[in-house]
PDB file of N, CA and C in Angstrom:
ATOM      1  N   UNK A   1     123.159  88.799  87.108  1.00  0.00           N
ATOM      2  CA  UNK A   1     123.209  89.749  86.313  1.00  0.00           C
ATOM      3  C   UNK A   1     123.892  89.555  85.018  1.00  0.00           C
ATOM      4  N   UNK A   2     123.559  89.653  83.821  1.00  0.00           N
ATOM      5  CA  UNK A   2     124.060  89.235  82.387  1.00  0.00           C
ATOM      6  C   UNK A   2     125.264  90.100  82.638  1.00  0.00           C
ATOM      7  N   UNK A   3     126.261  89.444  81.807  1.00  0.00           N
ATOM      8  CA  UNK A   3     127.549  90.010  81.655  1.00  0.00           C
ATOM      9  C   UNK A   3     127.437  91.713  80.826  1.00  0.00           C
ATOM     10  N   UNK A   4     126.430  91.521  79.722  1.00  0.00           N
ATOM     11  CA  UNK A   4     126.325  92.720  79.338  1.00  0.00           C
ATOM     12  C   UNK A   4     125.704  93.744  79.819  1.00  0.00           C
ATOM     13  N   UNK A   5     124.716  93.389  80.724  1.00  0.00           N
ATOM     14  CA  UNK A   5     124.154  94.258  81.343  1.00  0.00           C
ATOM     15  C   UNK A   5     124.852  95.280  82.252  1.00  0.00           C
ATOM     16  N   UNK A   6     125.872  94.203  83.233  1.00  0.00           N
ATOM     17  CA  UNK A   6     126.789  94.872  84.056  1.00  0.00           C
ATOM     18  C   UNK A   6     127.558  95.395  83.381  1.00  0.00           C
ATOM     19  N   UNK A   7     128.135  95.303  82.312  1.00  0.00           N
ATOM     20  CA  UNK A   7     128.912  96.045  81.203  1.00  0.00           C
ATOM     21  C   UNK A   7     128.273  97.478  81.330  1.00  0.00           C
ATOM     22  N   UNK A   8     127.135  97.740  80.800  1.00  0.00           N
ATOM     23  CA  UNK A   8     126.483  98.702  80.535  1.00  0.00           C
ATOM     24  C   UNK A   8     126.303  99.616  82.268  1.00  0.00           C
ATOM     25  N   UNK A   9     126.329  98.668  83.153  1.00  0.00           N
ATOM     26  CA  UNK A   9     125.688  99.316  84.101  1.00  0.00           C
ATOM     27  C   UNK A   9     127.113  99.866  84.887  1.00  0.00           C
ATOM     28  N   UNK A  10     128.190  99.366  84.759  1.00  0.00           N
ATOM     29  CA  UNK A  10     129.524  99.769  84.918  1.00  0.00           C
ATOM     30  C   UNK A  10     130.051 101.111  84.451  1.00  0.00           C
ATOM     31  N   UNK A  11     129.733 100.949  82.902  1.00  0.00           N
ATOM     32  CA  UNK A  11     130.132 102.153  82.554  1.00  0.00           C
ATOM     33  C   UNK A  11     129.596 103.217  82.701  1.00  0.00           C
ATOM     34  N   UNK A  12     127.919 103.364  82.836  1.00  0.00           N
ATOM     35  CA  UNK A  12     126.966 104.233  83.176  1.00  0.00           C
ATOM     36  C   UNK A  12     127.500 104.907  84.556  1.00  0.00           C
ATOM     37  N   UNK A  13     127.651 104.017  85.461  1.00  0.00           N
ATOM     38  CA  UNK A  13     127.995 104.389  86.874  1.00  0.00           C
ATOM     39  C   UNK A  13     129.559 105.315  86.747  1.00  0.00           C
ATOM     40  N   UNK A  14     130.207 104.723  86.241  1.00  0.00           N
ATOM     41  CA  UNK A  14     131.464 105.528  85.753  1.00  0.00           C
ATOM     42  C   UNK A  14     131.356 106.978  85.199  1.00  0.00           C
ATOM     43  N   UNK A  15     130.088 106.963  83.970  1.00  0.00           N
ATOM     44  CA  UNK A  15     129.887 108.161  83.489  1.00  0.00           C
ATOM     45  C   UNK A  15     129.637 109.375  84.733  1.00  0.00           C
ATOM     46  N   UNK A  16     128.751 108.636  85.188  1.00  0.00           N
ATOM     47  CA  UNK A  16     127.969 109.614  86.408  1.00  0.00           C
ATOM     48  C   UNK A  16     128.993 110.200  87.537  1.00  0.00           C
ATOM     49  N   UNK A  17     130.002 109.728  87.243  1.00  0.00           N
ATOM     50  CA  UNK A  17     131.131 110.061  88.334  1.00  0.00           C
ATOM     51  C   UNK A  17     131.458 109.147  89.562  1.00  0.00           C
ATOM     52  N   UNK A  18     130.893 107.984  89.814  1.00  0.00           N
ATOM     53  CA  UNK A  18     131.253 107.388  90.609  1.00  0.00           C
ATOM     54  C   UNK A  18     132.804 106.506  90.803  1.00  0.00           C
ATOM     55  N   UNK A  19     133.354 106.201  91.766  1.00  0.00           N
ATOM     56  CA  UNK A  19     134.193 105.942  92.015  1.00  0.00           C
ATOM     57  C   UNK A  19     134.405 104.377  91.576  1.00  0.00           C
ATOM     58  N   UNK A  20     135.829 104.018  91.393  1.00  0.00           N
ATOM     59  CA  UNK A  20     135.594 102.687  91.064  1.00  0.00           C
ATOM     60  C   UNK A  20     135.292 101.959  92.466  1.00  0.00           C
ATOM     61  N   UNK A  21     135.239 102.214  93.451  1.00  0.00           N
ATOM     62  CA  UNK A  21     135.140 101.582  94.753  1.00  0.00           C
ATOM     63  C   UNK A  21     133.811 101.402  94.816  1.00  0.00           C
ATOM     64  N   UNK A  22     133.180 102.730  94.678  1.00  0.00           N
ATOM     65  CA  UNK A  22     131.606 102.583  94.609  1.00  0.00           C
ATOM     66  C   UNK A  22     130.862 101.759  93.678  1.00  0.00           C
ATOM     67  N   UNK A  23     131.397 101.798  92.372  1.00  0.00           N
ATOM     68  CA  UNK A  23     130.640 100.786  91.508  1.00  0.00           C
ATOM     69  C   UNK A  23     130.818  99.702  92.026  1.00  0.00           C
ATOM     70  N   UNK A  24     132.298  99.005  92.630  1.00  0.00           N
ATOM     71  CA  UNK A  24     132.473  97.544  93.057  1.00  0.00           C
ATOM     72  C   UNK A  24     131.300  97.634  93.923  1.00  0.00           C
ATOM     73  N   UNK A  25     130.912  97.997  94.797  1.00  0.00           N
ATOM     74  CA  UNK A  25     129.679  98.015  96.075  1.00  0.00           C
ATOM     75  C   UNK A  25     128.585  97.717  95.492  1.00  0.00           C
ATOM     76  N   UNK A  26     128.474  98.603  94.561  1.00  0.00           N
ATOM     77  CA  UNK A  26     127.358  98.866  94.058  1.00  0.00           C
ATOM     78  C   UNK A  26     126.637  97.336  92.857  1.00  0.00           C
ATOM     79  N   UNK A  27     127.578  96.993  92.491  1.00  0.00           N
ATOM     80  CA  UNK A  27     127.342  95.998  91.130  1.00  0.00           C
ATOM     81  C   UNK A  27     127.968  94.638  91.842  1.00  0.00           C
ATOM     82  N   UNK A  28     128.616  94.647  93.176  1.00  0.00           N
ATOM     83  CA  UNK A  28     128.780  93.220  93.672  1.00  0.00           C
ATOM     84  C   UNK A  28     130.258  92.635  93.314  1.00  0.00           C
ATOM     85  N   UNK A  29     131.080  93.508  92.390  1.00  0.00           N
ATOM     86  CA  UNK A  29     132.044  92.860  91.694  1.00  0.00           C
ATOM     87  C   UNK A  29     133.593  93.330  92.206  1.00  0.00           C
ATOM     88  N   UNK A  30     134.454  92.821  92.585  1.00  0.00           N
ATOM     89  CA  UNK A  30     135.864  93.173  92.832  1.00  0.00           C
ATOM     90  C   UNK A  30     136.351  94.716  91.881  1.00  0.00           C
ATOM     91  N   UNK A  31     137.115  95.241  92.723  1.00  0.00           N
ATOM     92  CA  UNK A  31     137.490  96.515  91.942  1.00  0.00           C
ATOM     93  C   UNK A  31     138.559  96.250  90.614  1.00  0.00           C
ATOM     94  N   UNK A  32     139.051  95.011  90.540  1.00  0.00           N
ATOM     95  CA  UNK A  32     140.099  94.555  89.470  1.00  0.00           C
ATOM     96  C   UNK A  32     138.985  94.178  88.276  1.00  0.00           C
ATOM     97  N   UNK A  33     137.765  93.618  88.677  1.00  0.00           N
ATOM     98  CA  UNK A  33     137.040  93.105  87.923  1.00  0.00           C
ATOM     99  C   UNK A  33     136.245  94.378  87.048  1.00  0.00           C
ATOM    100  N   UNK A  34     135.954  95.290  87.907  1.00  0.00           N
ATOM    101  CA  UNK A  34     135.358  96.961  87.526  1.00  0.00           C
ATOM    102  C   UNK A  34     136.666  97.366  86.225  1.00  0.00           C
ATOM    103  N   UNK A  35     137.913  97.137  86.683  1.00  0.00           N
ATOM    104  CA  UNK A  35     139.098  97.755  85.629  1.00  0.00           C
ATOM    105  C   UNK A  35     138.944  97.216  84.351  1.00  0.00           C
ATOM    106  N   UNK A  36     138.791  95.770  84.849  1.00  0.00           N
ATOM    107  CA  UNK A  36     138.707  94.692  83.538  1.00  0.00           C
ATOM    108  C   UNK A  36     137.741  95.386  82.510  1.00  0.00           C
ATOM    109  N   UNK A  37     136.460  95.433  83.036  1.00  0.00           N
ATOM    110  CA  UNK A  37     135.262  95.973  82.246  1.00  0.00           C
ATOM    111  C   UNK A  37     135.556  97.438  81.783  1.00  0.00           C
ATOM    112  N   UNK A  38     135.805  98.414  82.112  1.00  0.00           N
ATOM    113  CA  UNK A  38     136.282  99.648  81.727  1.00  0.00           C
ATOM    114  C   UNK A  38     137.110  99.622  80.657  1.00  0.00           C
ATOM    115  N   UNK A  39     138.172  99.064  80.540  1.00  0.00           N
ATOM    116  CA  UNK A  39     139.359  98.776  79.642  1.00  0.00           C
ATOM    117  C   UNK A  39     138.613  98.524  78.533  1.00  0.00           C
ATOM    118  N   UNK A  40     137.576  97.397  78.426  1.00  0.00           N
ATOM    119  CA  UNK A  40     137.002  96.319  77.428  1.00  0.00           C
ATOM    120  C   UNK A  40     136.203  97.628  76.249  1.00  0.00           C
ATOM    121  N   UNK A  41     136.281  97.124  75.202  1.00  0.00           N
ATOM    122  CA  UNK A  41     135.306  97.768  74.372  1.00  0.00           C
ATOM    123  C   UNK A  41     133.934  96.702  74.152  1.00  0.00           C
ATOM    124  N   UNK A  42     132.974  97.519  73.511  1.00  0.00           N
ATOM    125  CA  UNK A  42     131.890  96.638  73.432  1.00  0.00           C
ATOM    126  C   UNK A  42     132.185  95.087  72.429  1.00  0.00           C
ATOM    127  N   UNK A  43     133.076  95.459  71.481  1.00  0.00           N
ATOM    128  CA  UNK A  43     133.431  94.217  70.557  1.00  0.00           C
ATOM    129  C   UNK A  43     134.061  92.855  71.606  1.00  0.00           C
ATOM    130  N   UNK A  44     135.251  93.397  72.414  1.00  0.00           N
ATOM    131  CA  UNK A  44     135.874  92.716  73.192  1.00  0.00           C
ATOM    132  C   UNK A  44     134.818  92.259  74.016  1.00  0.00           C
ATOM    133  N   UNK A  45     133.707  92.800  74.637  1.00  0.00           N
ATOM    134  CA  UNK A  45     132.868  92.326  75.679  1.00  0.00           C
ATOM    135  C   UNK A  45     131.923  90.623  75.089  1.00  0.00           C
ATOM    136  N   UNK A  46     131.517  91.390  73.671  1.00  0.00           N
ATOM    137  CA  UNK A  46     130.753  89.956  72.820  1.00  0.00           C
ATOM    138  C   UNK A  46     131.628  88.897  72.652  1.00  0.00           C
ATOM    139  N   UNK A  47     132.901  89.293  72.138  1.00  0.00           N
ATOM    140  CA  UNK A  47     133.883  87.971  72.026  1.00  0.00           C
ATOM    141  C   UNK A  47     134.137  87.115  73.339  1.00  0.00           C
ATOM    142  N   UNK A  48     134.089  88.270  74.416  1.00  0.00           N
ATOM    143  CA  UNK A  48     134.622  87.068  75.532  1.00  0.00           C
ATOM    144  C   UNK A  48     133.317  86.703  76.367  1.00  0.00           C
ATOM    145  N   UNK A  49     132.130  87.138  75.930  1.00  0.00           N
ATOM    146  CA  UNK A  49     130.568  86.249  76.692  1.00  0.00           C
ATOM    147  C   UNK A  49     130.844  84.907  75.550  1.00  0.00           C
ATOM    148  N   UNK A  50     131.110  85.512  74.362  1.00  0.00           N
ATOM    149  CA  UNK A  50     130.897  84.094  73.286  1.00  0.00           C
ATOM    150  C   UNK A  50     131.497  82.933  73.993  1.00  0.00           C
ATOM    151  N   UNK A  51     132.887  83.436  74.160  1.00  0.00           N
ATOM    152  CA  UNK A  51     133.877  82.433  74.576  1.00  0.00           C
ATOM    153  C   UNK A  51     133.602  81.346  75.794  1.00  0.00           C
ATOM    154  N   UNK A  52     132.845  82.720  77.104  1.00  0.00           N
ATOM    155  CA  UNK A  52     132.896  81.717  78.019  1.00  0.00           C
ATOM    156  C   UNK A  52     131.574  80.940  78.066  1.00  0.00           C
ATOM    157  N   UNK A  53     130.653  80.988  77.198  1.00  0.00           N
ATOM    158  CA  UNK A  53     129.500  80.243  76.835  1.00  0.00           C
ATOM    159  C   UNK A  53     129.879  78.518  76.528  1.00  0.00           C
ATOM    160  N   UNK A  54     131.043  78.532  75.522  1.00  0.00           N
ATOM    161  CA  UNK A  54     131.499  77.008  75.347  1.00  0.00           C
ATOM    162  C   UNK A  54     132.603  76.740  76.190  1.00  0.00           C
ATOM    163  N   UNK A  55     133.076  77.338  76.729  1.00  0.00           N
ATOM    164  CA  UNK A  55     134.178  76.938  77.957  1.00  0.00           C
ATOM    165  C   UNK A  55     133.708  75.774  78.888  1.00  0.00           C
ATOM    166  N   UNK A  56     134.177  74.509  78.780  1.00  0.00           N
ATOM    167  CA  UNK A  56     134.251  73.360  79.433  1.00  0.00           C
ATOM    168  C   UNK A  56     134.795  73.651  80.921  1.00  0.00           C
ATOM    169  N   UNK A  57     133.700  72.854  81.885  1.00  0.00           N
ATOM    170  CA  UNK A  57     134.197  73.180  83.323  1.00  0.00           C
ATOM    171  C   UNK A  57     134.857  71.905  83.341  1.00  0.00           C
ATOM    172  N   UNK A  58     135.413  72.028  84.611  1.00  0.00           N
ATOM    173  CA  UNK A  58     136.366  70.892  85.240  1.00  0.00           C
ATOM    174  C   UNK A  58     135.376  69.620  85.612  1.00  0.00           C
ATOM    175  N   UNK A  59     134.219  70.325  86.143  1.00  0.00           N
ATOM    176  CA  UNK A  59     133.188  69.443  87.037  1.00  0.00           C
ATOM    177  C   UNK A  59     132.253  68.874  85.615  1.00  0.00           C
ATOM    178  N   UNK A  60     132.300  69.213  84.596  1.00  0.00           N
ATOM    179  CA  UNK A  60     131.289  68.509  83.536  1.00  0.00           C
ATOM    180  C   UNK A  60     131.137  67.044  83.395  1.00  0.00           C
ATOM    181  N   UNK A  61     132.434  66.565  83.363  1.00  0.00           N
ATOM    182  CA  UNK A  61     132.090  64.926  83.556  1.00  0.00           C
ATOM    183  C   UNK A  61     131.433  64.436  84.740  1.00  0.00           C
ATOM    184  N   UNK A  62     131.273  65.136  85.836  1.00  0.00           N
ATOM    185  CA  UNK A  62     130.698  64.535  87.080  1.00  0.00           C
ATOM    186  C   UNK A  62     129.417  65.068  86.815  1.00  0.00           C
ATOM    187  N   UNK A  63     128.761  66.040  85.995  1.00  0.00           N
ATOM    188  CA  UNK A  63     127.346  66.762  86.124  1.00  0.00           C
ATOM    189  C   UNK A  63     126.444  65.509  86.426  1.00  0.00           C
ATOM    190  N   UNK A  64     126.167  64.398  85.965  1.00  0.00           N
ATOM    191  CA  UNK A  64     125.287  63.744  85.916  1.00  0.00           C
ATOM    192  C   UNK A  64     125.163  63.172  87.637  1.00  0.00           C
ATOM    193  N   UNK A  65     126.304  62.716  87.799  1.00  0.00           N
ATOM    194  CA  UNK A  65     126.301  62.301  89.378  1.00  0.00           C
ATOM    195  C   UNK A  65     125.725  63.093  90.240  1.00  0.00           C
ATOM    196  N   UNK A  66     126.222  64.428  90.035  1.00  0.00           N
ATOM    197  CA  UNK A  66     126.083  65.536  90.809  1.00  0.00           C
ATOM    198  C   UNK A  66     124.277  65.900  91.034  1.00  0.00           C
ATOM    199  N   UNK A  67     123.768  66.051  89.502  1.00  0.00           N
ATOM    200  CA  UNK A  67     122.805  66.079  89.515  1.00  0.00           C
ATOM    201  C   UNK A  67     122.046  65.175  90.073  1.00  0.00           C
ATOM    202  N   UNK A  68     122.046  63.929  90.228  1.00  0.00           N
ATOM    203  CA  UNK A  68     121.636  62.903  90.867  1.00  0.00           C
ATOM    204  C   UNK A  68     121.520  63.086  92.087  1.00  0.00           C
ATOM    205  N   UNK A  69     122.661  63.215  92.584  1.00  0.00           N
ATOM    206  CA  UNK A  69     122.836  63.718  94.348  1.00  0.00           C
ATOM    207  C   UNK A  69     121.771  64.564  94.930  1.00  0.00           C
ATOM    208  N   UNK A  70     121.815  65.799  93.831  1.00  0.00           N
ATOM    209  CA  UNK A  70     121.166  66.986  94.280  1.00  0.00           C
ATOM    210  C   UNK A  70     119.717  66.670  94.522  1.00  0.00           C
ATOM    211  N   UNK A  71     119.456  66.054  93.351  1.00  0.00           N
ATOM    212  CA  UNK A  71     117.728  65.527  93.143  1.00  0.00           C
ATOM    213  C   UNK A  71     117.491  64.539  94.410  1.00  0.00           C
ATOM    214  N   UNK A  72     118.188  63.620  94.729  1.00  0.00           N
ATOM    215  CA  UNK A  72     117.825  62.777  96.049  1.00  0.00           C
ATOM    216  C   UNK A  72     118.002  63.602  97.173  1.00  0.00           C
ATOM    217  N   UNK A  73     118.891  64.570  97.246  1.00  0.00           N
ATOM    218  CA  UNK A  73     119.250  65.008  98.700  1.00  0.00           C
ATOM    219  C   UNK A  73     119.671  66.516  98.526  1.00  0.00           C
ATOM    220  N   UNK A  74     118.093  67.424  98.184  1.00  0.00           N
ATOM    221  CA  UNK A  74     118.245  68.775  98.001  1.00  0.00           C
ATOM    222  C   UNK A  74     118.834  69.582  98.760  1.00  0.00           C
ATOM    223  N   UNK A  75     118.926  68.916 100.262  1.00  0.00           N
ATOM    224  CA  UNK A  75     119.648  69.638 101.189  1.00  0.00           C
ATOM    225  C   UNK A  75     121.180  69.844 101.107  1.00  0.00           C
ATOM    226  N   UNK A  76     121.559  69.029 100.181  1.00  0.00           N
ATOM    227  CA  UNK A  76     122.834  68.699 100.320  1.00  0.00           C
ATOM    228  C   UNK A  76     123.758  69.850  99.834  1.00  0.00           C
ATOM    229  N   UNK A  77     124.818  70.509 100.755  1.00  0.00           N
ATOM    230  CA  UNK A  77     125.667  71.377 100.273  1.00  0.00           C
ATOM    231  C   UNK A  77     126.849  71.066  99.349  1.00  0.00           C
ATOM    232  N   UNK A  78     127.188  72.285  98.706  1.00  0.00           N
ATOM    233  CA  UNK A  78     128.122  72.106  97.735  1.00  0.00           C
ATOM    234  C   UNK A  78     129.779  71.544  98.366  1.00  0.00           C
ATOM    235  N   UNK A  79     129.868  71.814  99.687  1.00  0.00           N
ATOM    236  CA  UNK A  79     130.895  71.035 100.271  1.00  0.00           C
ATOM    237  C   UNK A  79     130.791  69.924 100.431  1.00  0.00           C
ATOM    238  N   UNK A  80     129.836  69.340 100.680  1.00  0.00           N
ATOM    239  CA  UNK A  80     129.468  67.832 100.695  1.00  0.00           C
ATOM    240  C   UNK A  80     129.375  67.374  99.228  1.00  0.00           C
ATOM    241  N   UNK A  81     129.077  67.723  98.400  1.00  0.00           N
ATOM    242  CA  UNK A  81     129.080  67.371  97.165  1.00  0.00           C
ATOM    243  C   UNK A  81     130.837  67.355  96.802  1.00  0.00           C
ATOM    244  N   UNK A  82     131.523  68.329  96.951  1.00  0.00           N
ATOM    245  CA  UNK A  82     133.021  68.233  96.939  1.00  0.00           C
ATOM    246  C   UNK A  82     133.782  66.844  97.877  1.00  0.00           C
ATOM    247  N   UNK A  83     133.214  66.823  98.829  1.00  0.00           N
ATOM    248  CA  UNK A  83     133.405  65.423  99.910  1.00  0.00           C
ATOM    249  C   UNK A  83     133.599  64.222  99.072  1.00  0.00           C
ATOM    250  N   UNK A  84     132.210  64.267  98.712  1.00  0.00           N
ATOM    251  CA  UNK A  84     131.765  62.617  97.783  1.00  0.00           C
ATOM    252  C   UNK A  84     132.250  62.621  96.892  1.00  0.00           C
ATOM    253  N   UNK A  85     132.778  63.659  95.854  1.00  0.00           N
ATOM    254  CA  UNK A  85     133.403  63.376  95.000  1.00  0.00           C
ATOM    255  C   UNK A  85     134.770  62.941  95.022  1.00  0.00           C
ATOM    256  N   UNK A  86     135.518  63.342  96.098  1.00  0.00           N
ATOM    257  CA  UNK A  86     136.631  63.017  96.115  1.00  0.00           C
ATOM    258  C   UNK A  86     136.961  61.838  96.864  1.00  0.00           C
ATOM    259  N   UNK A  87     135.416  61.422  97.870  1.00  0.00           N
ATOM    260  CA  UNK A  87     135.698  59.742  98.496  1.00  0.00           C
ATOM    261  C   UNK A  87     135.586  59.032  97.353  1.00  0.00           C
ATOM    262  N   UNK A  88     134.855  59.274  95.914  1.00  0.00           N
ATOM    263  CA  UNK A  88     134.395  58.649  95.081  1.00  0.00           C
ATOM    264  C   UNK A  88     135.443  58.094  93.977  1.00  0.00           C
ATOM    265  N   UNK A  89     136.010  59.223  93.697  1.00  0.00           N
ATOM    266  CA  UNK A  89     136.942  59.287  92.478  1.00  0.00           C
ATOM    267  C   UNK A  89     138.491  59.372  93.061  1.00  0.00           C
ATOM    268  N   UNK A  90     138.643  60.145  94.052  1.00  0.00           N
ATOM    269  CA  UNK A  90     139.848  60.281  94.750  1.00  0.00           C
ATOM    270  C   UNK A  90     140.525  61.852  94.680  1.00  0.00           C
ATOM    271  N   UNK A  91     141.210  61.946  95.996  1.00  0.00           N
ATOM    272  CA  UNK A  91     141.667  63.413  95.781  1.00  0.00           C
ATOM    273  C   UNK A  91     142.506  63.716  94.485  1.00  0.00           C
ATOM    274  N   UNK A  92     143.100  63.171  93.923  1.00  0.00           N
ATOM    275  CA  UNK A  92     143.970  63.231  92.897  1.00  0.00           C
ATOM    276  C   UNK A  92     143.597  63.532  91.898  1.00  0.00           C
ATOM    277  N   UNK A  93     141.900  63.164  91.404  1.00  0.00           N
ATOM    278  CA  UNK A  93     141.450  63.094  90.214  1.00  0.00           C
ATOM    279  C   UNK A  93     140.556  64.471  90.308  1.00  0.00           C
ATOM    280  N   UNK A  94     140.018  64.945  91.280  1.00  0.00           N
ATOM    281  CA  UNK A  94     139.051  65.976  91.355  1.00  0.00           C
ATOM    282  C   UNK A  94     140.141  66.831  92.183  1.00  0.00           C
ATOM    283  N   UNK A  95     140.873  67.793  91.440  1.00  0.00           N
ATOM    284  CA  UNK A  95     141.477  68.707  91.691  1.00  0.00           C
ATOM    285  C   UNK A  95     140.705  70.106  91.833  1.00  0.00           C
ATOM    286  N   UNK A  96     139.703  70.283  92.431  1.00  0.00           N
ATOM    287  CA  UNK A  96     139.149  71.739  91.861  1.00  0.00           C
ATOM    288  C   UNK A  96     138.986  72.743  93.372  1.00  0.00           C
ATOM    289  N   UNK A  97     138.913  73.883  93.293  1.00  0.00           N
ATOM    290  CA  UNK A  97     138.705  74.615  94.413  1.00  0.00           C
ATOM    291  C   UNK A  97     137.230  74.558  95.193  1.00  0.00           C
ATOM    292  N   UNK A  98     137.076  75.016  96.330  1.00  0.00           N
ATOM    293  CA  UNK A  98     135.491  75.118  96.876  1.00  0.00           C
ATOM    294  C   UNK A  98     134.974  75.832  96.161  1.00  0.00           C
ATOM    295  N   UNK A  99     135.314  76.958  95.413  1.00  0.00           N
ATOM    296  CA  UNK A  99     134.387  78.172  94.886  1.00  0.00           C
ATOM    297  C   UNK A  99     134.142  77.379  93.697  1.00  0.00           C
ATOM    298  N   UNK A 100     135.126  76.490  93.084  1.00  0.00           N
ATOM    299  CA  UNK A 100     134.544  76.010  91.542  1.00  0.00           C
ATOM    300  C   UNK A 100     133.335  74.973  91.824  1.00  0.00           C
ATOM    301  N   UNK A 101     133.262  74.188  93.031  1.00  0.00           N
ATOM    302  CA  UNK A 101     132.107  73.540  92.876  1.00  0.00           C
ATOM    303  C   UNK A 101     131.038  74.300  93.571  1.00  0.00           C
ATOM    304  N   UNK A 102     130.893  75.203  94.354  1.00  0.00           N
ATOM    305  CA  UNK A 102     129.666  75.976  94.717  1.00  0.00           C
ATOM    306  C   UNK A 102     129.292  76.523  93.629  1.00  0.00           C
ATOM    307  N   UNK A 103     129.995  77.259  92.458  1.00  0.00           N
ATOM    308  CA  UNK A 103     129.770  77.818  91.265  1.00  0.00           C
ATOM    309  C   UNK A 103     128.732  76.678  90.590  1.00  0.00           C
ATOM    310  N   UNK A 104     129.740  75.396  90.500  1.00  0.00           N
ATOM    311  CA  UNK A 104     128.890  74.403  89.834  1.00  0.00           C
ATOM    312  C   UNK A 104     128.036  73.836  90.336  1.00  0.00           C
ATOM    313  N   UNK A 105     127.613  73.846  91.387  1.00  0.00           N
ATOM    314  CA  UNK A 105     126.515  73.421  92.298  1.00  0.00           C
ATOM    315  C   UNK A 105     125.344  74.536  92.324  1.00  0.00           C
ATOM    316  N   UNK A 106     125.481  75.862  92.696  1.00  0.00           N
ATOM    317  CA  UNK A 106     124.577  76.721  92.077  1.00  0.00           C
ATOM    318  C   UNK A 106     124.166  77.023  90.873  1.00  0.00           C
ATOM    319  N   UNK A 107     124.880  76.779  89.565  1.00  0.00           N
ATOM    320  CA  UNK A 107     124.481  76.709  88.287  1.00  0.00           C
ATOM    321  C   UNK A 107     123.650  75.582  88.162  1.00  0.00           C
ATOM    322  N   UNK A 108     123.970  74.331  88.634  1.00  0.00           N
ATOM    323  CA  UNK A 108     122.984  73.168  88.125  1.00  0.00           C
ATOM    324  C   UNK A 108     121.669  73.379  88.912  1.00  0.00           C
ATOM    325  N   UNK A 109     121.684  73.854  90.286  1.00  0.00           N
ATOM    326  CA  UNK A 109     120.184  74.130  90.826  1.00  0.00           C
ATOM    327  C   UNK A 109     119.540  75.070  89.842  1.00  0.00           C
ATOM    328  N   UNK A 110     120.066  75.973  89.490  1.00  0.00           N
ATOM    329  CA  UNK A 110     119.448  77.124  88.737  1.00  0.00           C
ATOM    330  C   UNK A 110     118.780  76.413  87.705  1.00  0.00           C
ATOM    331  N   UNK A 111     119.625  75.843  86.490  1.00  0.00           N
ATOM    332  CA  UNK A 111     119.338  75.446  85.457  1.00  0.00           C
ATOM    333  C   UNK A 111     118.345  74.159  85.719  1.00  0.00           C
ATOM    334  N   UNK A 112     118.322  73.345  86.455  1.00  0.00           N
ATOM    335  CA  UNK A 112     117.448  72.420  86.743  1.00  0.00           C
ATOM    336  C   UNK A 112     116.457  72.650  87.713  1.00  0.00           C
ATOM    337  N   UNK A 113     116.324  74.132  88.210  1.00  0.00           N
ATOM    338  CA  UNK A 113     115.218  73.809  88.849  1.00  0.00           C
ATOM    339  C   UNK A 113     115.363  72.999  90.315  1.00  0.00           C
ATOM    340  N   UNK A 114     116.349  72.876  91.107  1.00  0.00           N
ATOM    341  CA  UNK A 114     116.507  72.086  92.475  1.00  0.00           C
ATOM    342  C   UNK A 114     116.705  73.479  93.651  1.00  0.00           C
ATOM    343  N   UNK A 115     115.870  73.681  94.137  1.00  0.00           N
ATOM    344  CA  UNK A 115     116.053  74.720  95.297  1.00  0.00           C
ATOM    345  C   UNK A 115     116.676  74.038  96.160  1.00  0.00           C
ATOM    346  N   UNK A 116     117.456  74.668  97.215  1.00  0.00           N
ATOM    347  CA  UNK A 116     118.508  74.286  98.016  1.00  0.00           C
ATOM    348  C   UNK A 116     117.184  74.037  99.574  1.00  0.00           C
ATOM    349  N   UNK A 117     117.085  73.119 100.067  1.00  0.00           N
ATOM    350  CA  UNK A 117     116.035  72.948 101.124  1.00  0.00           C
ATOM    351  C   UNK A 117     117.021  72.674 102.476  1.00  0.00           C
ATOM    352  N   UNK A 118     116.472  73.955 103.008  1.00  0.00           N
ATOM    353  CA  UNK A 118     117.246  74.006 104.491  1.00  0.00           C
ATOM    354  C   UNK A 118     116.369  73.886 105.480  1.00  0.00           C
ATOM    355  N   UNK A 119     116.747  73.063 106.625  1.00  0.00           N
ATOM    356  CA  UNK A 119     115.976  72.810 108.220  1.00  0.00           C
ATOM    357  C   UNK A 119     116.251  73.348 108.813  1.00  0.00           C
ATOM    358  N   UNK A 120     115.659  74.530 109.567  1.00  0.00           N
ATOM    359  CA  UNK A 120     116.029  75.140 110.316  1.00  0.00           C
ATOM    360  C   UNK A 120     116.444  74.015 111.828  1.00  0.00           C
ATOM    361  N   UNK A 121     117.304  74.384 112.457  1.00  0.00           N
ATOM    362  CA  UNK A 121     117.735  73.853 113.842  1.00  0.00           C
ATOM    363  C   UNK A 121     116.921  74.136 114.685  1.00  0.00           C
ATOM    364  N   UNK A 122     116.684  73.330 115.607  1.00  0.00           N
ATOM    365  CA  UNK A 122     115.596  73.314 116.554  1.00  0.00           C
ATOM    366  C   UNK A 122     116.373  73.194 117.740  1.00  0.00           C
ATOM    367  N   UNK A 123     116.145  73.944 118.743  1.00  0.00           N
ATOM    368  CA  UNK A 123     117.039  73.905 120.045  1.00  0.00           C
ATOM    369  C   UNK A 123     116.434  74.753 120.947  1.00  0.00           C
ATOM    370  N   UNK A 124     116.863  74.134 122.035  1.00  0.00           N
ATOM    371  CA  UNK A 124     116.051  75.259 123.452  1.00  0.00           C
ATOM    372  C   UNK A 124     117.226  75.208 124.445  1.00  0.00           C
ATOM    373  N   UNK A 125     117.294  76.254 125.289  1.00  0.00           N
ATOM    374  CA  UNK A 125     118.073  76.574 126.231  1.00  0.00           C
ATOM    375  C   UNK A 125     118.028  75.544 127.518  1.00  0.00           C
ATOM    376  N   UNK A 126     118.934  75.058 127.935  1.00  0.00           N
ATOM    377  CA  UNK A 126     119.077  74.209 128.888  1.00  0.00           C
ATOM    378  C   UNK A 126     119.301  75.052 130.221  1.00  0.00           C
ATOM    379  N   UNK A 127     118.359  74.616 131.279  1.00  0.00           N
ATOM    380  CA  UNK A 127     118.472  75.635 132.371  1.00  0.00           C
ATOM    381  C   UNK A 127     119.811  74.957 133.276  1.00  0.00           C
TER     382      UNK A 127
END
């Protein structure tokens, strides 16, 4: 959901009397994030949204490589992307968390319309 819509929805739910915990469950954000949204005014939200659009990501320099991998191997997981990056460039150079890689890969898949291909595991019971 877009941040502006989240902001509006959180304030709407709060005005209707929902607790922070219930709002958190409804919109899928942590309670701390709900508090942050409630403390912001519309101008602060607009400034914050503008700042996040131009922010550089740690994995931006590797975008082309990751994109090629995802196109060639659409079933590739973000954990595998992280492993391949660390093998190719070294653990010292690639210092990002799992969640960072997961979000970056998810965003690339959405932006370039590369669906995650999953192959269900076929097995049968052995007597």
